[in-house]
Protein backbone atom coordinates (compact mmCIF):
# COMPACT_ATOMS: atom_id res chain seq x y z
CA MET A 1 5.27 -12.35 30.62
CA SER A 2 3.90 -10.40 27.83
CA GLN A 3 2.54 -7.78 30.27
CA LYS A 4 6.25 -6.87 31.18
CA GLN A 5 7.14 -5.91 27.75
CA LEU A 6 4.71 -2.89 27.74
CA THR A 7 6.25 0.36 28.20
CA GLY A 8 2.65 2.24 28.57
CA LYS A 9 2.91 4.49 25.31
CA GLN A 10 0.74 4.48 22.70
CA SER A 11 2.99 2.62 20.39
CA ASP A 12 2.81 -0.25 22.88
CA PHE A 13 -0.50 -1.34 20.59
CA LEU A 14 1.03 -1.77 17.07
CA LYS A 15 4.58 -2.61 18.34
CA ILE A 16 3.70 -5.16 20.80
CA VAL A 17 0.16 -6.25 21.07
CA VAL A 18 -0.78 -6.44 17.45
CA ALA A 19 2.82 -7.74 16.62
CA THR A 20 2.08 -10.58 19.29
CA ALA A 21 -1.19 -11.68 17.40
CA ALA A 22 0.86 -11.50 14.09
CA ARG A 23 3.39 -13.91 15.26
CA GLY A 24 0.44 -16.23 16.28
CA ASP A 25 1.47 -16.24 19.97
CA LEU A 26 -2.22 -17.30 21.44
CA GLU A 27 -1.23 -17.46 25.05
CA SER A 28 0.39 -13.81 24.94
CA THR A 29 -2.80 -12.72 23.03
CA ARG A 30 -5.44 -14.01 25.41
CA GLU A 31 -3.09 -12.27 28.45
CA PHE A 32 -3.32 -8.79 26.69
CA VAL A 33 -6.87 -9.24 25.88
CA ASP A 34 -7.97 -10.35 29.17
CA ASN A 35 -6.05 -7.41 31.05
CA LYS A 36 -7.21 -4.82 28.43
CA PRO A 37 -10.39 -6.35 26.49
CA GLU A 38 -10.52 -2.80 24.65
CA TRP A 39 -7.32 -3.68 22.50
CA ILE A 40 -9.74 -6.05 20.71
CA HIS A 41 -11.36 -2.95 18.88
CA THR A 42 -8.38 -0.86 18.94
CA VAL A 43 -7.13 0.79 15.61
CA GLY A 44 -3.51 1.33 14.64
CA SER A 45 -2.04 2.93 11.82
CA HIS A 46 -3.83 2.45 8.74
CA GLY A 47 -6.68 0.60 10.33
CA ARG A 48 -4.61 -2.34 11.27
CA THR A 49 -6.20 -4.16 14.23
CA MET A 50 -5.19 -7.34 15.98
CA LEU A 51 -7.70 -9.30 13.83
CA TRP A 52 -6.50 -7.86 10.68
CA GLU A 53 -2.69 -8.26 11.38
CA SER A 54 -3.37 -12.04 12.14
CA ALA A 55 -5.76 -12.90 9.31
CA TYR A 56 -2.92 -11.28 7.08
CA ARG A 57 -0.33 -13.63 8.59
CA GLY A 58 -2.46 -16.38 8.70
CA LYS A 59 -2.54 -16.99 12.24
CA GLN A 60 -5.78 -19.12 12.66
CA GLU A 61 -5.71 -19.78 16.25
CA VAL A 62 -5.37 -16.33 17.13
CA VAL A 63 -8.06 -15.27 14.47
CA GLN A 64 -10.39 -17.72 15.79
CA PHE A 65 -9.86 -16.54 19.42
CA LEU A 66 -10.31 -12.91 18.43
CA VAL A 67 -13.39 -13.37 16.48
CA GLU A 68 -15.06 -15.42 19.47
CA GLN A 69 -14.15 -12.24 21.66
CA GLY A 70 -16.29 -10.05 19.29
CA ALA A 71 -13.49 -8.66 17.08
CA ASP A 72 -14.89 -6.63 14.12
CA VAL A 73 -14.44 -9.23 10.95
CA ASN A 74 -14.77 -6.38 8.47
CA ILE A 75 -12.63 -3.56 9.52
CA CYS A 76 -10.39 -2.80 7.03
CA GLY A 77 -6.53 -1.85 7.25
CA CYS A 78 -3.33 -1.95 5.53
CA HIS A 79 0.57 -2.03 5.42
CA TYR A 80 0.54 0.86 3.02
CA THR A 81 3.44 0.22 0.51
CA PRO A 82 2.38 -3.44 -0.35
CA HIS A 83 -1.40 -2.66 -0.47
CA LEU A 84 -1.97 1.07 -0.93
CA VAL A 85 -5.50 0.76 0.24
CA GLU A 86 -7.02 -0.49 3.02
CA ILE A 87 -8.70 -3.88 2.74
CA SER A 88 -10.68 -6.16 4.75
CA PRO A 89 -9.19 -8.66 6.79
CA TYR A 90 -10.72 -11.64 4.61
CA CYS A 91 -9.26 -9.73 1.68
CA ALA A 92 -5.76 -9.58 3.22
CA ALA A 93 -6.03 -13.34 4.19
CA GLN A 94 -7.22 -14.12 0.55
CA LEU A 95 -4.28 -12.14 -1.08
CA ALA A 96 -1.73 -13.83 1.06
CA GLY A 97 -2.77 -17.09 0.29
CA ARG A 98 -4.26 -17.74 3.50
CA HIS A 99 -7.12 -19.41 2.10
CA ASP A 100 -8.30 -21.45 5.44
CA VAL A 101 -8.29 -18.19 7.38
CA ALA A 102 -10.35 -16.48 4.45
CA ALA A 103 -12.79 -19.29 4.74
CA TYR A 104 -13.29 -19.07 8.50
CA LEU A 105 -13.80 -15.33 8.16
CA LEU A 106 -16.34 -15.94 5.59
CA GLU A 107 -18.18 -18.38 7.85
CA ASN A 108 -18.09 -15.92 10.65
CA GLY A 109 -19.79 -12.96 9.19
CA ALA A 110 -16.90 -11.30 6.82
CA THR A 111 -18.49 -9.70 3.49
CA VAL A 112 -17.01 -9.85 0.23
CA ASP A 113 -18.08 -6.23 -1.00
CA ILE A 114 -17.46 -4.86 -4.28
CA HIS A 115 -13.87 -3.21 -3.29
CA SER A 116 -12.65 -6.48 -1.90
CA ALA A 117 -13.88 -8.02 -5.28
CA ALA A 118 -12.13 -5.51 -7.41
CA TYR A 119 -8.85 -5.78 -5.57
CA LEU A 120 -8.66 -9.48 -5.74
CA GLY A 121 -9.96 -9.63 -9.50
CA ASP A 122 -13.01 -11.55 -8.86
CA LEU A 123 -14.76 -10.28 -11.92
CA PRO A 124 -17.95 -12.22 -11.68
CA VAL A 125 -18.52 -10.95 -8.12
CA VAL A 126 -17.52 -7.13 -9.39
CA ASP A 127 -20.16 -7.64 -12.01
CA LYS A 128 -22.94 -9.32 -9.79
CA LEU A 129 -22.65 -6.61 -7.21
CA LEU A 130 -22.80 -3.78 -9.63
CA ASN A 131 -25.78 -5.50 -11.24
CA SER A 132 -27.48 -5.34 -8.12
CA GLU A 133 -26.21 -2.04 -6.84
CA PRO A 134 -25.12 0.20 -9.92
CA SER A 135 -24.26 3.17 -7.60
CA TRP A 136 -21.41 1.26 -6.41
CA LEU A 137 -19.44 1.88 -9.43
CA ASN A 138 -18.14 5.09 -8.18
CA HIS A 139 -18.48 4.58 -4.45
CA GLY A 140 -15.31 5.64 -2.38
CA HIS A 141 -14.27 3.34 0.26
CA TRP A 142 -13.39 5.13 3.63
CA GLN A 143 -10.02 5.26 4.90
CA HIS A 144 -8.32 5.77 8.24
CA HIS A 145 -6.47 8.84 8.99
CA MET A 146 -4.31 10.50 11.56
CA ARG A 147 -6.15 13.03 13.53
CA ALA A 148 -4.14 16.40 13.60
CA GLY A 149 -1.24 16.89 16.03
CA LYS A 150 -2.02 13.01 17.39
CA PRO A 151 0.24 10.69 16.06
CA HIS A 152 -1.39 7.71 17.40
CA ASN A 153 -5.09 8.34 16.90
CA PHE A 154 -6.59 7.49 13.83
CA CYS A 155 -10.22 8.15 12.51
CA LEU A 156 -12.15 6.94 9.51
CA ALA A 157 -12.72 9.48 6.81
CA GLU A 158 -14.14 9.45 3.29
CA ALA A 159 -12.28 9.13 0.61
CA PRO A 160 -13.96 9.43 -2.78
CA TRP A 161 -11.28 8.50 -4.79
CA ALA A 162 -10.98 5.08 -3.28
CA THR A 163 -13.68 3.62 -5.53
CA PRO A 164 -14.07 0.06 -7.03
CA LEU A 165 -11.73 1.11 -9.93
CA GLY A 166 -9.05 2.53 -7.38
CA TYR A 167 -8.96 -0.73 -5.92
CA ALA A 168 -8.43 -2.53 -9.09
CA LEU A 169 -5.69 -0.57 -10.00
CA ALA A 170 -4.15 -1.00 -6.57
CA GLY A 171 -4.48 -4.56 -6.79
CA GLN A 172 -3.20 -4.37 -10.46
CA GLN A 173 -6.24 -6.08 -11.72
CA LYS A 174 -6.35 -5.01 -15.53
CA THR A 175 -9.42 -6.97 -16.63
CA VAL A 176 -11.39 -5.70 -13.86
CA ALA A 177 -10.14 -2.15 -14.28
CA GLU A 178 -10.94 -2.26 -18.32
CA PHE A 179 -14.73 -3.70 -17.05
CA LEU A 180 -15.30 -0.74 -14.45
CA ILE A 181 -14.27 2.15 -17.00
CA GLN A 182 -16.48 0.18 -19.77
CA ARG A 183 -19.24 0.35 -16.99
CA GLY A 184 -18.57 4.29 -16.67
CA ALA A 185 -16.16 4.44 -13.89
CA GLU A 186 -14.79 7.86 -13.12
CA VAL A 187 -11.35 8.58 -14.04
CA THR A 188 -10.68 12.07 -14.70
CA LEU A 189 -11.93 13.38 -11.28
CA HIS A 190 -9.42 11.01 -9.49
CA SER A 191 -6.36 11.00 -12.01
CA LYS A 192 -3.98 11.97 -9.18
CA GLN A 193 -4.69 8.93 -7.22
CA LEU A 194 -5.27 6.49 -9.86
CA LEU A 195 -2.16 7.23 -11.98
CA GLY A 196 -0.32 7.04 -8.38
CA PHE A 197 -1.30 3.80 -8.06
CA CYS A 198 0.13 2.81 -11.71
CA VAL A 199 3.18 4.53 -10.90
CA SER A 200 3.79 2.92 -7.69
CA ARG A 201 3.04 -0.40 -9.12
CA ASP A 202 5.21 0.46 -12.15
CA ARG A 203 2.67 -0.29 -14.56
CA ALA A 204 2.74 1.39 -17.63
CA ASP A 205 -0.03 -0.49 -19.19
CA LEU A 206 -2.54 0.38 -16.41
CA ALA A 207 -1.35 4.26 -16.77
CA GLU A 208 -1.85 4.06 -20.04
CA LEU A 209 -5.46 2.66 -19.76
CA LEU A 210 -6.24 5.53 -17.70
CA LEU A 211 -4.82 8.14 -19.81
CA ARG A 212 -6.67 6.62 -23.19
CA HIS A 213 -9.80 7.11 -20.85
CA GLY A 214 -9.20 10.76 -20.03
CA ALA A 215 -6.91 10.59 -17.00
CA ASP A 216 -5.21 14.22 -16.45
CA ALA A 217 -1.34 13.25 -17.20
CA SER A 218 -0.56 16.39 -15.29
CA GLN A 219 -1.73 14.71 -12.03
CA ALA A 220 0.81 11.70 -12.33
CA PRO A 221 3.89 11.62 -9.73
CA VAL A 222 7.01 12.59 -11.34
CA VAL A 223 8.84 9.67 -12.55
CA SER A 224 12.57 9.23 -13.26
CA ILE A 225 14.09 7.93 -16.45
CA GLU A 226 15.32 5.11 -14.53
CA ARG A 227 11.76 3.79 -15.32
CA PRO A 228 11.79 3.93 -19.13
CA GLU A 229 8.66 2.58 -19.89
CA ILE A 230 6.28 4.63 -17.74
CA SER A 231 8.53 7.87 -18.03
CA ALA A 232 8.07 7.59 -21.93
CA LEU A 233 4.56 6.95 -21.72
CA LEU A 234 3.91 10.35 -19.58
CA LEU A 235 6.39 12.14 -21.86
CA ALA A 236 4.26 11.37 -24.73
CA TYR A 237 1.36 12.91 -22.96
CA GLY A 238 3.28 16.10 -22.16
CA VAL A 239 4.90 15.14 -18.63
CA ALA A 240 8.59 15.50 -18.74
CA PRO A 241 10.41 12.97 -16.23
CA ALA A 242 12.05 13.83 -13.11
CA ASP A 243 15.72 15.60 -12.94
CA LEU A 244 17.95 12.77 -12.37
CA ASN A 245 20.16 14.75 -10.08
CA ALA A 246 17.36 16.51 -8.43
CA LYS A 247 17.67 15.54 -4.62
CA ASN A 248 14.70 13.89 -2.76
CA ARG A 249 13.08 15.34 0.11
CA MET A 250 15.88 14.30 2.42
CA GLY A 251 18.28 15.87 0.32
CA TRP A 252 20.02 13.01 -1.71
CA PRO A 253 20.31 12.49 -5.30
CA PRO A 254 19.44 9.18 -6.53
CA LEU A 255 23.34 8.38 -7.45
CA VAL A 256 24.35 9.20 -3.93
CA TYR A 257 21.45 7.49 -2.26
CA ALA A 258 22.54 4.56 -4.45
CA CYS A 259 25.87 4.59 -3.15
CA ARG A 260 25.14 4.54 0.57
CA GLY A 261 26.84 2.01 2.57
CA ASP A 262 23.80 1.74 4.59
CA LYS A 263 21.36 0.89 1.59
CA GLY A 264 23.22 -2.18 0.42
CA GLU A 265 25.57 -2.81 -2.70
CA ASN A 266 23.65 -1.76 -5.92
CA PRO A 267 26.31 -1.82 -8.68
CA ASN A 268 23.51 -2.53 -11.42
CA LYS A 269 21.54 0.69 -10.52
CA VAL A 270 24.65 2.88 -9.86
CA ARG A 271 25.91 1.91 -13.42
CA ARG A 272 22.31 2.33 -15.14
CA LEU A 273 22.28 6.03 -13.57
CA ILE A 274 25.43 6.61 -14.61
CA SER A 275 24.62 5.62 -17.88
CA LEU A 276 21.71 7.71 -18.11
CA GLY A 277 23.63 10.83 -17.26
CA ALA A 278 23.71 11.04 -13.40
CA ASP A 279 26.35 13.52 -12.49
CA VAL A 280 29.28 11.65 -10.53
CA GLY A 281 30.11 15.11 -9.15
CA CYS A 282 26.78 15.87 -7.63
CA ALA A 283 26.51 16.95 -4.02
CA THR A 284 25.41 15.15 -0.89
CA ILE A 285 23.10 16.38 1.73
CA LYS A 286 26.18 17.89 3.44
CA ALA A 287 27.30 19.60 0.43
CA LYS A 288 30.55 17.30 -0.22
CA PRO A 289 31.46 16.17 -3.35
CA LEU A 290 30.29 12.26 -4.08
CA SER A 291 33.78 10.92 -3.72
CA ILE A 292 34.73 8.95 -6.98
CA VAL A 293 36.85 6.51 -4.71
CA ARG A 294 33.36 5.24 -3.66
CA LEU A 295 32.33 4.49 -6.96
CA LYS A 296 35.46 2.86 -8.26
CA PRO A 297 34.58 -0.75 -7.34
CA VAL A 298 31.40 -0.25 -9.32
CA LEU A 299 32.94 1.43 -12.05
CA PHE A 300 36.05 -0.43 -12.72
CA LYS A 301 34.66 -4.02 -11.45
């Protein structure tokens, strides 16, 4: 039955096969693997495999089946927005609170490297690993990248910025980040990516830590004054906040975007944008003025 769902497109792997493993559908997963064993080792967007996704979702029966079929227990992947960097199946399971799955993976060949330990905030392990191999301090963890012109074809590529410090910041582990900086972790060279993690997490305290230790503030993403703490911090280092009425890459000013019906009701955000000086007459992507009628339920509620 599961085979009938397949369309023959490359997108079948993530949309159907990996999704089946993520749901914990063992019978259909077996069927997919029986018909196409190479799917066990196929890598999708951001490094996601059948094993990675099932481990992240805590589907132990599927995880066990895939491991028994020879799936790589250490290949890393991620969903970019929540994770920012690629993490191992063990790390993904542990992060999601799937401790039984994480323990099973450890029993079956998974390793806890310095990047996983940094991401999870395991300072004793980070310290132990650094003492055994100091060169890991600034070692970049490889990440999957899309091959040029091939939207569903991914390969591993060097990522010098993906250091243990980068992983600690992506995982919001301030104590580990401070420890790594004290040990001499590179900050300035990777300012763009490291500050980007802090902005993505809206962690002004982590950004301030980096800036105090040599990060180049000019490499930080432009931040809106909607985020007062981190925008004020960057302004103190000479980086002005984003224009509140500037259009995003899709042509939408923040206020217009917040008022879109397909984005849900955002009255508090709309009020805040207006209080900060957003122009209620700004133009949309179609060059039509923002209708005050649309704002009336919010403004006069």
